Amino acid sequence: MNWDRIEGNWKQFTGNIKQQWGKLTDDQLDVIAGKRDQLVGKIQESYGISKDESEKQLAEWQSRQKDLLKTK
């Protein structure tokens, strides 16, 4: 799934994001507002991991969202 679709439906995806990265707050997700680079940064900051690891986790999550939509 391309990121524009996630950004356009951000509110619908925030629940799935919070399941994956529970340390992220609603306020943080509101500020991120679907901006991929900001989400990567917040994941990196909240979990103390590298930018590359944040990117990897987000890419895997994004791929799973595509799989979930196919099954609906």
Protein backbone atom coordinates (compact mmCIF):
# COMPACT_ATOMS: atom_id res chain seq x y z
CA MET A 1 0.00 0.00 0.00
CA ASN A 2 1.39 3.37 -0.84
CA TRP A 3 1.92 5.86 1.95
CA ASP A 4 -0.40 8.48 0.41
CA ARG A 5 -3.32 6.14 1.08
CA ILE A 6 -2.25 5.66 4.70
CA GLU A 7 -1.78 9.40 5.15
CA GLY A 8 -5.19 10.10 3.63
CA ASN A 9 -6.85 7.64 6.01
CA TRP A 10 -4.60 8.38 8.98
CA LYS A 11 -7.28 8.24 11.67
CA GLN A 12 -8.29 4.77 10.53
CA PHE A 13 -4.72 3.49 10.78
CA THR A 14 -3.81 4.97 14.16
CA GLY A 15 -5.34 2.02 16.03
CA ASN A 16 -3.14 -0.42 14.15
CA ILE A 17 -0.13 1.81 14.72
CA LYS A 18 -0.81 1.89 18.48
CA GLN A 19 -1.07 -1.92 18.50
CA GLN A 20 2.36 -2.15 16.87
CA TRP A 21 4.04 0.71 18.77
CA GLY A 22 2.18 1.07 22.06
CA LYS A 23 4.56 3.70 23.43
CA LEU A 24 3.28 6.24 20.90
CA THR A 25 0.60 8.49 22.37
CA ASP A 26 -2.56 9.80 20.74
CA ASP A 27 -1.07 13.30 20.94
CA GLN A 28 2.07 12.17 19.12
CA LEU A 29 -0.01 10.48 16.43
CA ASP A 30 -2.11 13.64 16.03
CA VAL A 31 1.04 15.71 15.51
CA ILE A 32 2.50 13.15 13.07
CA ALA A 33 -0.74 13.37 11.04
CA GLY A 34 0.34 10.70 8.58
CA LYS A 35 3.80 12.08 7.83
CA ARG A 36 5.97 8.99 7.35
CA ASP A 37 9.29 10.63 8.22
CA GLN A 38 7.86 11.99 11.47
CA LEU A 39 6.48 8.57 12.39
CA VAL A 40 9.89 6.97 11.75
CA GLY A 41 11.47 9.58 14.03
CA LYS A 42 8.97 9.05 16.84
CA ILE A 43 9.38 5.27 16.67
CA GLN A 44 13.16 5.72 16.79
CA GLU A 45 12.94 8.14 19.73
CA SER A 46 10.34 6.20 21.73
CA TYR A 47 12.04 2.82 21.39
CA GLY A 48 15.70 3.88 21.34
CA ILE A 49 16.39 2.12 18.04
CA SER A 50 18.25 3.19 14.92
CA LYS A 51 16.62 5.01 12.04
CA ASP A 52 17.28 1.97 9.84
CA GLU A 53 15.48 -0.30 12.32
CA SER A 54 12.57 2.15 12.54
CA GLU A 55 12.33 2.21 8.73
CA LYS A 56 12.43 -1.60 8.62
CA GLN A 57 9.68 -1.98 11.22
CA LEU A 58 7.51 0.60 9.47
CA ALA A 59 8.00 -1.04 6.06
CA GLU A 60 6.97 -4.40 7.55
CA TRP A 61 3.91 -2.82 9.19
CA GLN A 62 3.00 -1.07 5.93
CA SER A 63 3.24 -4.38 4.06
CA ARG A 64 0.91 -6.05 6.56
CA GLN A 65 -1.67 -3.29 6.07
CA LYS A 66 -1.76 -4.18 2.39
CA ASP A 67 -2.32 -7.83 3.31
CA LEU A 68 -5.14 -6.91 5.68
CA LEU A 69 -6.96 -4.93 3.00
CA LYS A 70 -6.74 -7.83 0.55
CA THR A 71 -8.57 -10.09 2.99
CA LYS A 72 -11.48 -7.69 3.48
